[in-house]
Amino acid sequence: MEKPSAIFGKANYAYLISGVVILITGFILMGIHNGSVSYDIYSFPKVTLSPILIVAGYGLLIMSIFKT
Protein backbone atom coordinates (compact mmCIF):
# COMPACT_ATOMS: atom_id res chain seq x y z
CA MET A 1 0.00 0.00 0.00
CA GLU A 2 1.38 3.40 -1.01
CA LYS A 3 1.88 6.14 1.49
CA PRO A 4 -0.27 9.14 0.47
CA SER A 5 1.77 12.15 -0.58
CA ALA A 6 1.29 15.55 0.98
CA ILE A 7 -1.07 17.91 -0.80
CA PHE A 8 1.16 20.96 -0.34
CA GLY A 9 4.92 21.29 -0.40
CA LYS A 10 7.17 23.30 1.89
CA ALA A 11 6.92 26.40 -0.31
CA ASN A 12 3.12 26.27 -0.19
CA TYR A 13 3.11 26.16 3.60
CA ALA A 14 5.63 29.00 3.77
CA TYR A 15 3.39 31.16 1.56
CA LEU A 16 0.35 30.14 3.60
CA ILE A 17 1.90 31.04 6.95
CA SER A 18 3.34 34.32 5.71
CA GLY A 19 -0.01 35.23 4.15
CA VAL A 20 -1.83 34.59 7.42
CA VAL A 21 0.72 36.63 9.39
CA ILE A 22 0.47 39.57 6.96
CA LEU A 23 -3.33 39.34 7.01
CA ILE A 24 -3.49 39.39 10.81
CA THR A 25 -1.05 42.30 10.89
CA GLY A 26 -3.27 44.26 8.49
CA PHE A 27 -6.38 43.66 10.57
CA ILE A 28 -4.58 44.62 13.77
CA LEU A 29 -3.35 47.85 12.20
CA MET A 30 -6.86 48.63 11.04
CA GLY A 31 -8.32 48.18 14.51
CA ILE A 32 -5.65 49.93 16.55
CA HIS A 33 -6.17 53.42 17.93
CA ASN A 34 -3.74 55.92 19.36
CA GLY A 35 -5.26 55.97 22.85
CA SER A 36 -6.65 59.48 22.70
CA VAL A 37 -10.29 60.35 23.12
CA SER A 38 -10.74 61.49 19.53
CA TYR A 39 -10.02 58.57 17.27
CA ASP A 40 -8.10 59.42 14.13
CA ILE A 41 -9.86 57.25 11.58
CA TYR A 42 -8.06 58.86 8.65
CA SER A 43 -4.53 58.01 9.75
CA PHE A 44 -2.00 56.47 7.37
CA PRO A 45 -1.96 52.97 8.94
CA LYS A 46 -5.75 52.68 8.91
CA VAL A 47 -6.48 54.11 5.48
CA THR A 48 -3.45 53.14 3.41
CA LEU A 49 -1.19 50.57 5.02
CA SER A 50 -3.71 48.11 6.41
CA PRO A 51 -5.70 47.65 3.16
CA ILE A 52 -2.45 47.07 1.27
CA LEU A 53 -1.39 44.44 3.81
CA ILE A 54 -4.80 42.75 3.73
CA VAL A 55 -4.83 42.52 -0.08
CA ALA A 56 -1.23 41.24 -0.05
CA GLY A 57 -2.13 38.66 2.59
CA TYR A 58 -5.08 37.36 0.58
CA GLY A 59 -2.87 37.34 -2.52
CA LEU A 60 -0.31 35.17 -0.74
CA LEU A 61 -3.03 32.83 0.47
CA ILE A 62 -4.36 32.39 -3.05
CA MET A 63 -0.83 31.94 -4.38
CA SER A 64 -0.14 29.26 -1.75
CA ILE A 65 -3.12 27.27 -3.02
CA PHE A 66 -2.37 27.54 -6.74
CA LYS A 67 1.44 27.26 -6.64
CA THR A 68 2.59 23.86 -7.87
PDB file of N, CA and C in Angstrom:
ATOM      1  N   MET A   1       0.841  -1.170   0.000  1.00  0.00           N
ATOM      2  CA  MET A   1       0.000   0.000   0.000  1.00  0.00           C
ATOM      3  C   MET A   1       0.893   1.243   0.000  1.00  0.00           C
ATOM      4  N   GLU A   2       0.577   2.179  -0.883  1.00  0.00           N
ATOM      5  CA  GLU A   2       1.379   3.400  -1.007  1.00  0.00           C
ATOM      6  C   GLU A   2       1.040   4.393   0.094  1.00  0.00           C
ATOM      7  N   LYS A   3       2.079   5.071   0.512  1.00  0.00           N
ATOM      8  CA  LYS A   3       1.882   6.139   1.490  1.00  0.00           C
ATOM      9  C   LYS A   3       1.365   7.373   0.746  1.00  0.00           C
ATOM     10  N   PRO A   4       0.262   7.969   1.186  1.00  0.00           N
ATOM     11  CA  PRO A   4      -0.266   9.140   0.468  1.00  0.00           C
ATOM     12  C   PRO A   4       0.697  10.327   0.567  1.00  0.00           C
ATOM     13  N   SER A   5       0.866  10.998  -0.567  1.00  0.00           N
ATOM     14  CA  SER A   5       1.769  12.148  -0.579  1.00  0.00           C
ATOM     15  C   SER A   5       1.056  13.369  -0.022  1.00  0.00           C
ATOM     16  N   ALA A   6       1.846  14.323   0.415  1.00  0.00           N
ATOM     17  CA  ALA A   6       1.288  15.550   0.976  1.00  0.00           C
ATOM     18  C   ALA A   6       0.663  16.382  -0.137  1.00  0.00           C
ATOM     19  N   ILE A   7      -0.386  17.092   0.200  1.00  0.00           N
ATOM     20  CA  ILE A   7      -1.073  17.913  -0.795  1.00  0.00           C
ATOM     21  C   ILE A   7      -0.222  19.127  -1.152  1.00  0.00           C
ATOM     22  N   PHE A   8       0.337  19.774  -0.138  1.00  0.00           N
ATOM     23  CA  PHE A   8       1.160  20.964  -0.343  1.00  0.00           C
ATOM     24  C   PHE A   8       2.610  20.648  -0.043  1.00  0.00           C
ATOM     25  N   GLY A   9       3.491  21.415  -0.683  1.00  0.00           N
ATOM     26  CA  GLY A   9       4.917  21.291  -0.397  1.00  0.00           C
ATOM     27  C   GLY A   9       5.343  22.313   0.641  1.00  0.00           C
ATOM     28  N   LYS A  10       6.649  22.360   0.902  1.00  0.00           N
ATOM     29  CA  LYS A  10       7.167  23.301   1.889  1.00  0.00           C
ATOM     30  C   LYS A  10       6.943  24.752   1.469  1.00  0.00           C
ATOM     31  N   ALA A  11       7.097  25.031   0.182  1.00  0.00           N
ATOM     32  CA  ALA A  11       6.918  26.401  -0.307  1.00  0.00           C
ATOM     33  C   ALA A  11       5.474  26.841  -0.131  1.00  0.00           C
ATOM     34  N   ASN A  12       4.532  25.923  -0.364  1.00  0.00           N
ATOM     35  CA  ASN A  12       3.118  26.266  -0.192  1.00  0.00           C
ATOM     36  C   ASN A  12       2.812  26.631   1.255  1.00  0.00           C
ATOM     37  N   TYR A  13       3.345  25.860   2.185  1.00  0.00           N
ATOM     38  CA  TYR A  13       3.112  26.156   3.595  1.00  0.00           C
ATOM     39  C   TYR A  13       3.801  27.455   4.018  1.00  0.00           C
ATOM     40  N   ALA A  14       4.946  27.742   3.449  1.00  0.00           N
ATOM     41  CA  ALA A  14       5.628  29.000   3.767  1.00  0.00           C
ATOM     42  C   ALA A  14       4.801  30.189   3.286  1.00  0.00           C
ATOM     43  N   TYR A  15       4.263  30.098   2.066  1.00  0.00           N
ATOM     44  CA  TYR A  15       3.393  31.164   1.565  1.00  0.00           C
ATOM     45  C   TYR A  15       2.116  31.274   2.405  1.00  0.00           C
ATOM     46  N   LEU A  16       1.567  30.152   2.810  1.00  0.00           N
ATOM     47  CA  LEU A  16       0.355  30.140   3.597  1.00  0.00           C
ATOM     48  C   LEU A  16       0.562  30.808   4.954  1.00  0.00           C
ATOM     49  N   ILE A  17       1.624  30.458   5.631  1.00  0.00           N
ATOM     50  CA  ILE A  17       1.900  31.036   6.951  1.00  0.00           C
ATOM     51  C   ILE A  17       2.212  32.514   6.845  1.00  0.00           C
ATOM     52  N   SER A  18       3.027  32.899   5.860  1.00  0.00           N
ATOM     53  CA  SER A  18       3.343  34.317   5.714  1.00  0.00           C
ATOM     54  C   SER A  18       2.109  35.122   5.316  1.00  0.00           C
ATOM     55  N   GLY A  19       1.226  34.544   4.510  1.00  0.00           N
ATOM     56  CA  GLY A  19      -0.013  35.226   4.151  1.00  0.00           C
ATOM     57  C   GLY A  19      -0.913  35.447   5.353  1.00  0.00           C
ATOM     58  N   VAL A  20      -1.010  34.461   6.222  1.00  0.00           N
ATOM     59  CA  VAL A  20      -1.834  34.591   7.421  1.00  0.00           C
ATOM     60  C   VAL A  20      -1.248  35.639   8.366  1.00  0.00           C
ATOM     61  N   VAL A  21       0.070  35.643   8.519  1.00  0.00           N
ATOM     62  CA  VAL A  21       0.719  36.632   9.394  1.00  0.00           C
ATOM     63  C   VAL A  21       0.505  38.048   8.858  1.00  0.00           C
ATOM     64  N   ILE A  22       0.669  38.239   7.558  1.00  0.00           N
ATOM     65  CA  ILE A  22       0.472  39.566   6.963  1.00  0.00           C
ATOM     66  C   ILE A  22      -0.996  39.979   7.079  1.00  0.00           C
ATOM     67  N   LEU A  23      -1.908  39.043   6.897  1.00  0.00           N
ATOM     68  CA  LEU A  23      -3.331  39.337   7.008  1.00  0.00           C
ATOM     69  C   LEU A  23      -3.701  39.755   8.430  1.00  0.00           C
ATOM     70  N   ILE A  24      -3.218  39.044   9.411  1.00  0.00           N
ATOM     71  CA  ILE A  24      -3.488  39.386  10.810  1.00  0.00           C
ATOM     72  C   ILE A  24      -2.887  40.742  11.153  1.00  0.00           C
ATOM     73  N   THR A  25      -1.678  41.011  10.646  1.00  0.00           N
ATOM     74  CA  THR A  25      -1.053  42.303  10.887  1.00  0.00           C
ATOM     75  C   THR A  25      -1.888  43.437  10.299  1.00  0.00           C
ATOM     76  N   GLY A  26      -2.420  43.248   9.113  1.00  0.00           N
ATOM     77  CA  GLY A  26      -3.267  44.257   8.489  1.00  0.00           C
ATOM     78  C   GLY A  26      -4.530  44.526   9.279  1.00  0.00           C
ATOM     79  N   PHE A  27      -5.170  43.466   9.779  1.00  0.00           N
ATOM     80  CA  PHE A  27      -6.379  43.655  10.567  1.00  0.00           C
ATOM     81  C   PHE A  27      -6.082  44.304  11.917  1.00  0.00           C
ATOM     82  N   ILE A  28      -4.952  43.977  12.509  1.00  0.00           N
ATOM     83  CA  ILE A  28      -4.577  44.618  13.772  1.00  0.00           C
ATOM     84  C   ILE A  28      -4.307  46.101  13.558  1.00  0.00           C
ATOM     85  N   LEU A  29      -3.597  46.441  12.481  1.00  0.00           N
ATOM     86  CA  LEU A  29      -3.345  47.854  12.197  1.00  0.00           C
ATOM     87  C   LEU A  29      -4.634  48.615  11.923  1.00  0.00           C
ATOM     88  N   MET A  30      -5.606  47.952  11.329  1.00  0.00           N
ATOM     89  CA  MET A  30      -6.864  48.626  11.042  1.00  0.00           C
ATOM     90  C   MET A  30      -7.653  48.895  12.323  1.00  0.00           C
ATOM     91  N   GLY A  31      -7.529  48.039  13.295  1.00  0.00           N
ATOM     92  CA  GLY A  31      -8.317  48.177  14.511  1.00  0.00           C
ATOM     93  C   GLY A  31      -7.643  48.928  15.627  1.00  0.00           C
ATOM     94  N   ILE A  32      -6.391  49.278  15.480  1.00  0.00           N
ATOM     95  CA  ILE A  32      -5.646  49.930  16.552  1.00  0.00           C
ATOM     96  C   ILE A  32      -6.017  51.408  16.612  1.00  0.00           C
ATOM     97  N   HIS A  33      -5.968  51.985  17.790  1.00  0.00           N
ATOM     98  CA  HIS A  33      -6.168  53.424  17.930  1.00  0.00           C
ATOM     99  C   HIS A  33      -5.060  53.990  18.795  1.00  0.00           C
ATOM    100  N   ASN A  34      -4.884  55.287  18.721  1.00  0.00           N
ATOM    101  CA  ASN A  34      -3.737  55.916  19.361  1.00  0.00           C
ATOM    102  C   ASN A  34      -3.937  56.180  20.847  1.00  0.00           C
ATOM    103  N   GLY A  35      -5.050  55.827  21.424  1.00  0.00           N
ATOM    104  CA  GLY A  35      -5.256  55.971  22.853  1.00  0.00           C
ATOM    105  C   GLY A  35      -5.875  57.295  23.263  1.00  0.00           C
ATOM    106  N   SER A  36      -6.033  58.200  22.353  1.00  0.00           N
ATOM    107  CA  SER A  36      -6.647  59.477  22.703  1.00  0.00           C
ATOM    108  C   SER A  36      -8.170  59.350  22.641  1.00  0.00           C
ATOM    109  N   VAL A  37      -8.838  60.379  23.108  1.00  0.00           N
ATOM    110  CA  VAL A  37     -10.289  60.350  23.124  1.00  0.00           C
ATOM    111  C   VAL A  37     -10.848  60.464  21.712  1.00  0.00           C
ATOM    112  N   SER A  38     -10.284  61.349  20.913  1.00  0.00           N
ATOM    113  CA  SER A  38     -10.745  61.486  19.534  1.00  0.00           C
ATOM    114  C   SER A  38      -9.967  60.519  18.651  1.00  0.00           C
ATOM    115  N   TYR A  39     -10.672  59.588  18.089  1.00  0.00           N
ATOM    116  CA  TYR A  39     -10.019  58.575  17.268  1.00  0.00           C
ATOM    117  C   TYR A  39      -9.717  59.165  15.896  1.00  0.00           C
ATOM    118  N   ASP A  40      -8.508  58.925  15.447  1.00  0.00           N
ATOM    119  CA  ASP A  40      -8.095  59.420  14.135  1.00  0.00           C
ATOM    120  C   ASP A  40      -8.349  58.315  13.107  1.00  0.00           C
ATOM    121  N   ILE A  41      -9.519  58.332  12.501  1.00  0.00           N
ATOM    122  CA  ILE A  41      -9.860  57.249  11.578  1.00  0.00           C
ATOM    123  C   ILE A  41      -9.218  57.432  10.215  1.00  0.00           C
ATOM    124  N   TYR A  42      -8.679  58.604   9.947  1.00  0.00           N
ATOM    125  CA  TYR A  42      -8.064  58.861   8.652  1.00  0.00           C
ATOM    126  C   TYR A  42      -6.540  58.856   8.736  1.00  0.00           C
ATOM    127  N   SER A  43      -5.981  58.076   9.636  1.00  0.00           N
ATOM    128  CA  SER A  43      -4.530  58.010   9.753  1.00  0.00           C
ATOM    129  C   SER A  43      -3.956  57.091   8.672  1.00  0.00           C
ATOM    130  N   PHE A  44      -2.671  57.248   8.419  1.00  0.00           N
ATOM    131  CA  PHE A  44      -1.998  56.469   7.372  1.00  0.00           C
ATOM    132  C   PHE A  44      -2.098  54.961   7.581  1.00  0.00           C
ATOM    133  N   PRO A  45      -1.866  54.434   8.793  1.00  0.00           N
ATOM    134  CA  PRO A  45      -1.965  52.973   8.941  1.00  0.00           C
ATOM    135  C   PRO A  45      -3.360  52.422   8.697  1.00  0.00           C
ATOM    136  N   LYS A  46      -4.389  53.180   9.071  1.00  0.00           N
ATOM    137  CA  LYS A  46      -5.750  52.677   8.907  1.00  0.00           C
ATOM    138  C   LYS A  46      -6.254  52.787   7.481  1.00  0.00           C
ATOM    139  N   VAL A  47      -5.901  53.857   6.803  1.00  0.00           N
ATOM    140  CA  VAL A  47      -6.477  54.113   5.478  1.00  0.00           C
ATOM    141  C   VAL A  47      -5.629  53.528   4.356  1.00  0.00           C
ATOM    142  N   THR A  48      -4.328  53.537   4.511  1.00  0.00           N
ATOM    143  CA  THR A  48      -3.454  53.142   3.409  1.00  0.00           C
ATOM    144  C   THR A  48      -2.735  51.820   3.661  1.00  0.00           C
ATOM    145  N   LEU A  49      -2.060  51.715   4.777  1.00  0.00           N
ATOM    146  CA  LEU A  49      -1.187  50.569   5.016  1.00  0.00           C
ATOM    147  C   LEU A  49      -1.966  49.277   5.268  1.00  0.00           C
ATOM    148  N   SER A  50      -2.990  49.337   6.096  1.00  0.00           N
ATOM    149  CA  SER A  50      -3.710  48.106   6.415  1.00  0.00           C
ATOM    150  C   SER A  50      -4.453  47.510   5.211  1.00  0.00           C
ATOM    151  N   PRO A  51      -5.105  48.293   4.344  1.00  0.00           N
ATOM    152  CA  PRO A  51      -5.701  47.647   3.158  1.00  0.00           C
ATOM    153  C   PRO A  51      -4.670  47.024   2.221  1.00  0.00           C
ATOM    154  N   ILE A  52      -3.506  47.653   2.106  1.00  0.00           N
ATOM    155  CA  ILE A  52      -2.452  47.073   1.271  1.00  0.00           C
ATOM    156  C   ILE A  52      -1.997  45.740   1.854  1.00  0.00           C
ATOM    157  N   LEU A  53      -1.815  45.687   3.171  1.00  0.00           N
ATOM    158  CA  LEU A  53      -1.394  44.438   3.809  1.00  0.00           C
ATOM    159  C   LEU A  53      -2.463  43.362   3.696  1.00  0.00           C
ATOM    160  N   ILE A  54      -3.724  43.735   3.820  1.00  0.00           N
ATOM    161  CA  ILE A  54      -4.801  42.750   3.726  1.00  0.00           C
ATOM    162  C   ILE A  54      -4.888  42.170   2.312  1.00  0.00           C
ATOM    163  N   VAL A  55      -4.799  43.012   1.311  1.00  0.00           N
ATOM    164  CA  VAL A  55      -4.831  42.519  -0.078  1.00  0.00           C
ATOM    165  C   VAL A  55      -3.607  41.647  -0.361  1.00  0.00           C
ATOM    166  N   ALA A  56      -2.442  42.052   0.136  1.00  0.00           N
ATOM    167  CA  ALA A  56      -1.232  41.245  -0.054  1.00  0.00           C
ATOM    168  C   ALA A  56      -1.347  39.905   0.669  1.00  0.00           C
ATOM    169  N   GLY A  57      -1.932  39.908   1.857  1.00  0.00           N
ATOM    170  CA  GLY A  57      -2.130  38.658   2.595  1.00  0.00           C
ATOM    171  C   GLY A  57      -3.045  37.704   1.867  1.00  0.00           C
ATOM    172  N   TYR A  58      -4.174  38.214   1.359  1.00  0.00           N
ATOM    173  CA  TYR A  58      -5.079  37.363   0.579  1.00  0.00           C
ATOM    174  C   TYR A  58      -4.413  36.889  -0.714  1.00  0.00           C
ATOM    175  N   GLY A  59      -3.598  37.744  -1.316  1.00  0.00           N
ATOM    176  CA  GLY A  59      -2.867  37.338  -2.516  1.00  0.00           C
ATOM    177  C   GLY A  59      -1.909  36.187  -2.236  1.00  0.00           C
ATOM    178  N   LEU A  60      -1.208  36.264  -1.109  1.00  0.00           N
ATOM    179  CA  LEU A  60      -0.306  35.169  -0.742  1.00  0.00           C
ATOM    180  C   LEU A  60      -1.072  33.892  -0.424  1.00  0.00           C
ATOM    181  N   LEU A  61      -2.228  34.026   0.201  1.00  0.00           N
ATOM    182  CA  LEU A  61      -3.032  32.830   0.468  1.00  0.00           C
ATOM    183  C   LEU A  61      -3.496  32.160  -0.815  1.00  0.00           C
ATOM    184  N   ILE A  62      -3.946  32.945  -1.767  1.00  0.00           N
ATOM    185  CA  ILE A  62      -4.360  32.391  -3.055  1.00  0.00           C
ATOM    186  C   ILE A  62      -3.168  31.783  -3.778  1.00  0.00           C
ATOM    187  N   MET A  63      -2.028  32.461  -3.718  1.00  0.00           N
ATOM    188  CA  MET A  63      -0.827  31.941  -4.377  1.00  0.00           C
ATOM    189  C   MET A  63      -0.378  30.629  -3.736  1.00  0.00           C
ATOM    190  N   SER A  64      -0.553  30.504  -2.417  1.00  0.00           N
ATOM    191  CA  SER A  64      -0.144  29.257  -1.751  1.00  0.00           C
ATOM    192  C   SER A  64      -1.007  28.083  -2.189  1.00  0.00           C
ATOM    193  N   ILE A  65      -2.245  28.349  -2.570  1.00  0.00           N
ATOM    194  CA  ILE A  65      -3.117  27.268  -3.018  1.00  0.00           C
ATOM    195  C   ILE A  65      -2.788  26.859  -4.457  1.00  0.00           C
ATOM    196  N   PHE A  66      -2.540  27.840  -5.325  1.00  0.00           N
ATOM    197  CA  PHE A  66      -2.369  27.535  -6.743  1.00  0.00           C
ATOM    198  C   PHE A  66      -0.938  27.248  -7.148  1.00  0.00           C
ATOM    199  N   LYS A  67       0.045  27.519  -6.287  1.00  0.00           N
ATOM    200  CA  LYS A  67       1.442  27.257  -6.645  1.00  0.00           C
ATOM    201  C   LYS A  67       1.680  25.752  -6.678  1.00  0.00           C
ATOM    202  N   THR A  68       2.337  25.298  -7.743  1.00  0.00           N
ATOM    203  CA  THR A  68       2.595  23.863  -7.869  1.00  0.00           C
ATOM    204  C   THR A  68       3.985  23.505  -7.408  1.00  0.00           C
TER     205      THR A  68
END
